[in-house]
Amino acid sequence: MADATDADFEAEVLGAELPVLVEFTADWCPPCRQMGPVLKALAAEEGDRLKVVQLDVDANPATTNAYKVLSMPTFMVFRGGEPVKAMVGARAKRKLLEELADVM
């Protein structure tokens, strides 16, 4: 699982060939920390169909503000450089996979 920043968001996410799941996260957010193992497992299992990255909202305010992210964790799926789906809040891996089925 990769980390994205304001500086490399375009290359890491918008220019990616695969759909990209971005978790907008923060160190001070307990549900975000809870999602860490879920996202690592998702990246390992679905890496051939989906790229998974995390973006720290405190360290990367430009991207956070550009996509109007207000709550953590927020998950956005980007395909072809455009956001195609957004979800807010922690969830189980099974539920996350169900919600991602139509964009992978």
N, C-alpha and C. Protein backbone atom coordinates (compact mmCIF):
# COMPACT_ATOMS: atom_id res chain seq x y z
N MET A 1 0.86 -1.18 0.00
CA MET A 1 0.00 0.00 0.00
C MET A 1 0.90 1.24 0.00
N ALA A 2 0.63 2.15 -0.90
CA ALA A 2 1.47 3.33 -1.07
C ALA A 2 0.89 4.52 -0.31
N ASP A 3 1.74 5.51 -0.09
CA ASP A 3 1.30 6.79 0.45
C ASP A 3 1.33 7.79 -0.68
N ALA A 4 0.30 8.62 -0.76
CA ALA A 4 0.25 9.69 -1.76
C ALA A 4 0.42 11.02 -1.03
N THR A 5 0.91 12.02 -1.76
CA THR A 5 1.08 13.36 -1.21
C THR A 5 0.52 14.37 -2.22
N ASP A 6 0.42 15.62 -1.77
CA ASP A 6 0.01 16.67 -2.70
C ASP A 6 0.93 16.67 -3.93
N ALA A 7 2.24 16.47 -3.69
CA ALA A 7 3.23 16.56 -4.76
C ALA A 7 3.10 15.45 -5.80
N ASP A 8 2.75 14.22 -5.35
CA ASP A 8 2.72 13.11 -6.30
C ASP A 8 1.32 12.55 -6.56
N PHE A 9 0.27 13.24 -6.09
CA PHE A 9 -1.09 12.74 -6.25
C PHE A 9 -1.44 12.52 -7.72
N GLU A 10 -1.04 13.45 -8.56
CA GLU A 10 -1.37 13.31 -9.99
C GLU A 10 -0.73 12.05 -10.58
N ALA A 11 0.54 11.81 -10.26
CA ALA A 11 1.23 10.64 -10.81
C ALA A 11 0.73 9.34 -10.17
N GLU A 12 0.57 9.33 -8.83
CA GLU A 12 0.20 8.12 -8.11
C GLU A 12 -1.25 7.71 -8.34
N VAL A 13 -2.13 8.71 -8.43
CA VAL A 13 -3.57 8.43 -8.45
C VAL A 13 -4.20 8.76 -9.80
N LEU A 14 -4.10 10.01 -10.20
CA LEU A 14 -4.81 10.44 -11.41
C LEU A 14 -4.25 9.79 -12.67
N GLY A 15 -2.95 9.49 -12.67
CA GLY A 15 -2.33 8.90 -13.85
C GLY A 15 -2.23 7.38 -13.81
N ALA A 16 -2.78 6.76 -12.78
CA ALA A 16 -2.66 5.31 -12.63
C ALA A 16 -3.49 4.57 -13.68
N GLU A 17 -2.98 3.42 -14.09
CA GLU A 17 -3.71 2.61 -15.07
C GLU A 17 -4.87 1.86 -14.44
N LEU A 18 -4.68 1.41 -13.20
CA LEU A 18 -5.74 0.70 -12.47
C LEU A 18 -6.64 1.69 -11.76
N PRO A 19 -7.86 1.27 -11.39
CA PRO A 19 -8.64 2.10 -10.47
C PRO A 19 -7.84 2.24 -9.17
N VAL A 20 -7.98 3.40 -8.51
CA VAL A 20 -7.22 3.67 -7.29
C VAL A 20 -8.19 3.98 -6.14
N LEU A 21 -8.04 3.25 -5.04
CA LEU A 21 -8.78 3.54 -3.81
C LEU A 21 -7.88 4.40 -2.95
N VAL A 22 -8.31 5.63 -2.67
CA VAL A 22 -7.56 6.54 -1.82
C VAL A 22 -8.26 6.63 -0.47
N GLU A 23 -7.51 6.37 0.60
CA GLU A 23 -8.04 6.62 1.94
C GLU A 23 -7.47 7.95 2.41
N PHE A 24 -8.36 8.91 2.62
CA PHE A 24 -7.96 10.18 3.23
C PHE A 24 -7.97 9.92 4.74
N THR A 25 -6.80 10.01 5.37
CA THR A 25 -6.61 9.53 6.73
C THR A 25 -5.88 10.56 7.58
N ALA A 26 -5.84 10.31 8.88
CA ALA A 26 -5.10 11.16 9.80
C ALA A 26 -4.62 10.32 10.98
N ASP A 27 -3.44 10.67 11.50
CA ASP A 27 -2.86 9.93 12.62
C ASP A 27 -3.76 9.95 13.86
N TRP A 28 -4.51 11.04 14.05
CA TRP A 28 -5.32 11.21 15.25
C TRP A 28 -6.70 10.56 15.14
N CYS A 29 -6.96 9.84 14.05
CA CYS A 29 -8.29 9.30 13.77
C CYS A 29 -8.32 7.79 14.08
N PRO A 30 -8.97 7.37 15.20
CA PRO A 30 -9.03 5.94 15.53
C PRO A 30 -9.65 5.06 14.44
N PRO A 31 -10.77 5.46 13.80
CA PRO A 31 -11.31 4.61 12.73
C PRO A 31 -10.34 4.45 11.56
N CYS A 32 -9.52 5.49 11.32
CA CYS A 32 -8.52 5.41 10.24
C CYS A 32 -7.49 4.34 10.58
N ARG A 33 -7.01 4.35 11.83
CA ARG A 33 -6.03 3.35 12.25
C ARG A 33 -6.64 1.95 12.16
N GLN A 34 -7.92 1.83 12.48
CA GLN A 34 -8.63 0.56 12.40
C GLN A 34 -8.66 0.03 10.96
N MET A 35 -8.68 0.93 9.99
CA MET A 35 -8.76 0.53 8.59
C MET A 35 -7.41 0.10 8.02
N GLY A 36 -6.31 0.41 8.68
CA GLY A 36 -4.98 0.08 8.19
C GLY A 36 -4.82 -1.38 7.79
N PRO A 37 -5.08 -2.34 8.71
CA PRO A 37 -4.94 -3.76 8.34
C PRO A 37 -5.91 -4.19 7.23
N VAL A 38 -7.09 -3.62 7.20
CA VAL A 38 -8.08 -3.95 6.18
C VAL A 38 -7.56 -3.54 4.80
N LEU A 39 -7.02 -2.32 4.73
CA LEU A 39 -6.51 -1.82 3.45
C LEU A 39 -5.26 -2.57 3.00
N LYS A 40 -4.40 -2.92 3.94
CA LYS A 40 -3.21 -3.71 3.59
C LYS A 40 -3.61 -5.05 3.00
N ALA A 41 -4.60 -5.70 3.62
CA ALA A 41 -5.09 -6.99 3.11
C ALA A 41 -5.74 -6.81 1.74
N LEU A 42 -6.52 -5.75 1.57
CA LEU A 42 -7.17 -5.47 0.29
C LEU A 42 -6.12 -5.24 -0.80
N ALA A 43 -5.08 -4.47 -0.47
CA ALA A 43 -4.01 -4.19 -1.45
C ALA A 43 -3.30 -5.48 -1.85
N ALA A 44 -3.08 -6.37 -0.88
CA ALA A 44 -2.40 -7.64 -1.17
C ALA A 44 -3.26 -8.56 -2.03
N GLU A 45 -4.56 -8.61 -1.73
CA GLU A 45 -5.46 -9.54 -2.43
C GLU A 45 -5.92 -9.03 -3.79
N GLU A 46 -6.09 -7.73 -3.93
CA GLU A 46 -6.68 -7.16 -5.15
C GLU A 46 -5.70 -6.29 -5.92
N GLY A 47 -4.41 -6.41 -5.63
CA GLY A 47 -3.41 -5.55 -6.24
C GLY A 47 -3.36 -5.58 -7.75
N ASP A 48 -3.81 -6.68 -8.35
CA ASP A 48 -3.82 -6.75 -9.81
C ASP A 48 -5.01 -6.02 -10.43
N ARG A 49 -6.02 -5.69 -9.61
CA ARG A 49 -7.23 -5.01 -10.12
C ARG A 49 -7.44 -3.63 -9.52
N LEU A 50 -6.75 -3.34 -8.41
CA LEU A 50 -7.00 -2.09 -7.68
C LEU A 50 -5.74 -1.64 -6.97
N LYS A 51 -5.41 -0.37 -7.13
CA LYS A 51 -4.29 0.23 -6.40
C LYS A 51 -4.86 0.89 -5.15
N VAL A 52 -4.20 0.69 -4.01
CA VAL A 52 -4.66 1.26 -2.74
C VAL A 52 -3.60 2.22 -2.21
N VAL A 53 -4.00 3.46 -1.94
CA VAL A 53 -3.08 4.45 -1.39
C VAL A 53 -3.72 5.18 -0.22
N GLN A 54 -2.87 5.70 0.66
CA GLN A 54 -3.33 6.52 1.77
C GLN A 54 -2.79 7.93 1.58
N LEU A 55 -3.60 8.92 1.97
CA LEU A 55 -3.18 10.31 1.92
C LEU A 55 -3.45 10.93 3.28
N ASP A 56 -2.41 11.42 3.93
CA ASP A 56 -2.54 12.06 5.24
C ASP A 56 -3.11 13.47 5.04
N VAL A 57 -4.30 13.71 5.59
CA VAL A 57 -4.98 14.98 5.33
C VAL A 57 -4.26 16.17 5.97
N ASP A 58 -3.59 15.95 7.10
CA ASP A 58 -2.90 17.05 7.77
C ASP A 58 -1.66 17.48 6.99
N ALA A 59 -0.96 16.52 6.40
CA ALA A 59 0.27 16.82 5.66
C ALA A 59 0.01 17.24 4.22
N ASN A 60 -1.22 17.01 3.74
CA ASN A 60 -1.54 17.26 2.32
C ASN A 60 -2.85 18.02 2.16
N PRO A 61 -2.90 19.26 2.64
CA PRO A 61 -4.17 20.00 2.62
C PRO A 61 -4.68 20.37 1.23
N ALA A 62 -3.80 20.53 0.26
CA ALA A 62 -4.25 20.95 -1.08
C ALA A 62 -5.15 19.89 -1.70
N THR A 63 -4.71 18.63 -1.67
CA THR A 63 -5.52 17.55 -2.25
C THR A 63 -6.78 17.34 -1.43
N THR A 64 -6.65 17.38 -0.11
CA THR A 64 -7.80 17.20 0.78
C THR A 64 -8.87 18.25 0.47
N ASN A 65 -8.47 19.50 0.33
CA ASN A 65 -9.42 20.58 0.04
C ASN A 65 -9.97 20.49 -1.37
N ALA A 66 -9.14 20.06 -2.32
CA ALA A 66 -9.58 19.97 -3.72
C ALA A 66 -10.74 19.00 -3.86
N TYR A 67 -10.74 17.94 -3.05
CA TYR A 67 -11.82 16.95 -3.14
C TYR A 67 -12.84 17.10 -2.01
N LYS A 68 -12.77 18.24 -1.30
CA LYS A 68 -13.76 18.60 -0.28
C LYS A 68 -13.95 17.51 0.78
N VAL A 69 -12.83 16.94 1.23
CA VAL A 69 -12.87 15.90 2.25
C VAL A 69 -12.98 16.56 3.62
N LEU A 70 -14.05 16.21 4.34
CA LEU A 70 -14.29 16.81 5.65
C LEU A 70 -14.23 15.79 6.79
N SER A 71 -14.51 14.55 6.51
CA SER A 71 -14.57 13.51 7.55
C SER A 71 -13.51 12.44 7.27
N MET A 72 -13.00 11.87 8.36
CA MET A 72 -12.03 10.80 8.22
C MET A 72 -12.58 9.53 8.84
N PRO A 73 -12.33 8.36 8.26
CA PRO A 73 -11.69 8.22 6.95
C PRO A 73 -12.70 8.43 5.83
N THR A 74 -12.25 9.06 4.76
CA THR A 74 -13.02 9.14 3.53
C THR A 74 -12.29 8.29 2.50
N PHE A 75 -13.03 7.47 1.79
CA PHE A 75 -12.46 6.65 0.73
C PHE A 75 -12.99 7.18 -0.59
N MET A 76 -12.09 7.39 -1.54
CA MET A 76 -12.50 7.78 -2.90
C MET A 76 -11.86 6.83 -3.89
N VAL A 77 -12.64 6.44 -4.87
CA VAL A 77 -12.12 5.61 -5.95
C VAL A 77 -11.96 6.51 -7.17
N PHE A 78 -10.77 6.49 -7.74
CA PHE A 78 -10.47 7.25 -8.95
C PHE A 78 -10.24 6.28 -10.10
N ARG A 79 -10.83 6.61 -11.24
CA ARG A 79 -10.61 5.81 -12.44
C ARG A 79 -10.47 6.79 -13.60
N GLY A 80 -9.39 6.63 -14.38
CA GLY A 80 -9.16 7.54 -15.49
C GLY A 80 -8.98 8.98 -15.05
N GLY A 81 -8.43 9.17 -13.85
CA GLY A 81 -8.16 10.52 -13.36
C GLY A 81 -9.35 11.23 -12.74
N GLU A 82 -10.48 10.55 -12.63
CA GLU A 82 -11.70 11.16 -12.08
C GLU A 82 -12.21 10.38 -10.89
N PRO A 83 -12.74 11.08 -9.87
CA PRO A 83 -13.36 10.35 -8.76
C PRO A 83 -14.69 9.75 -9.23
N VAL A 84 -14.86 8.44 -9.00
CA VAL A 84 -16.07 7.77 -9.45
C VAL A 84 -16.92 7.26 -8.29
N LYS A 85 -16.36 7.28 -7.08
CA LYS A 85 -17.12 6.81 -5.93
C LYS A 85 -16.49 7.39 -4.67
N ALA A 86 -17.32 7.70 -3.67
CA ALA A 86 -16.83 8.18 -2.38
C ALA A 86 -17.62 7.51 -1.25
N MET A 87 -16.90 7.16 -0.19
CA MET A 87 -17.52 6.53 0.97
C MET A 87 -16.88 7.13 2.22
N VAL A 88 -17.66 7.30 3.27
CA VAL A 88 -17.14 7.87 4.50
C VAL A 88 -17.34 6.88 5.64
N GLY A 89 -16.29 6.71 6.44
CA GLY A 89 -16.39 5.89 7.64
C GLY A 89 -15.74 4.52 7.50
N ALA A 90 -15.31 3.98 8.63
CA ALA A 90 -14.68 2.66 8.65
C ALA A 90 -15.72 1.59 8.32
N ARG A 91 -15.24 0.50 7.73
CA ARG A 91 -16.11 -0.63 7.41
C ARG A 91 -15.29 -1.90 7.35
N ALA A 92 -15.98 -3.01 7.46
CA ALA A 92 -15.33 -4.32 7.38
C ALA A 92 -14.85 -4.56 5.95
N LYS A 93 -13.83 -5.41 5.80
CA LYS A 93 -13.28 -5.69 4.48
C LYS A 93 -14.35 -6.24 3.53
N ARG A 94 -15.18 -7.15 4.03
CA ARG A 94 -16.23 -7.74 3.20
C ARG A 94 -17.16 -6.65 2.65
N LYS A 95 -17.56 -5.72 3.50
CA LYS A 95 -18.44 -4.61 3.10
C LYS A 95 -17.73 -3.70 2.11
N LEU A 96 -16.46 -3.43 2.36
CA LEU A 96 -15.70 -2.57 1.45
C LEU A 96 -15.59 -3.23 0.07
N LEU A 97 -15.32 -4.51 0.03
CA LEU A 97 -15.25 -5.24 -1.24
C LEU A 97 -16.58 -5.18 -1.99
N GLU A 98 -17.69 -5.33 -1.27
CA GLU A 98 -19.02 -5.24 -1.90
C GLU A 98 -19.20 -3.86 -2.55
N GLU A 99 -18.80 -2.83 -1.81
CA GLU A 99 -18.98 -1.45 -2.32
C GLU A 99 -18.05 -1.13 -3.49
N LEU A 100 -16.94 -1.85 -3.57
CA LEU A 100 -15.98 -1.60 -4.64
C LEU A 100 -16.23 -2.45 -5.89
N ALA A 101 -17.12 -3.44 -5.78
CA ALA A 101 -17.32 -4.40 -6.86
C ALA A 101 -17.63 -3.73 -8.20
N ASP A 102 -18.40 -2.66 -8.19
CA ASP A 102 -18.80 -2.04 -9.45
C ASP A 102 -17.73 -1.13 -10.06
N VAL A 103 -16.64 -0.87 -9.34
CA VAL A 103 -15.61 0.03 -9.88
C VAL A 103 -14.29 -0.69 -10.16
N MET A 104 -14.21 -1.98 -9.83
CA MET A 104 -12.96 -2.71 -10.08
C MET A 104 -13.03 -3.45 -11.40
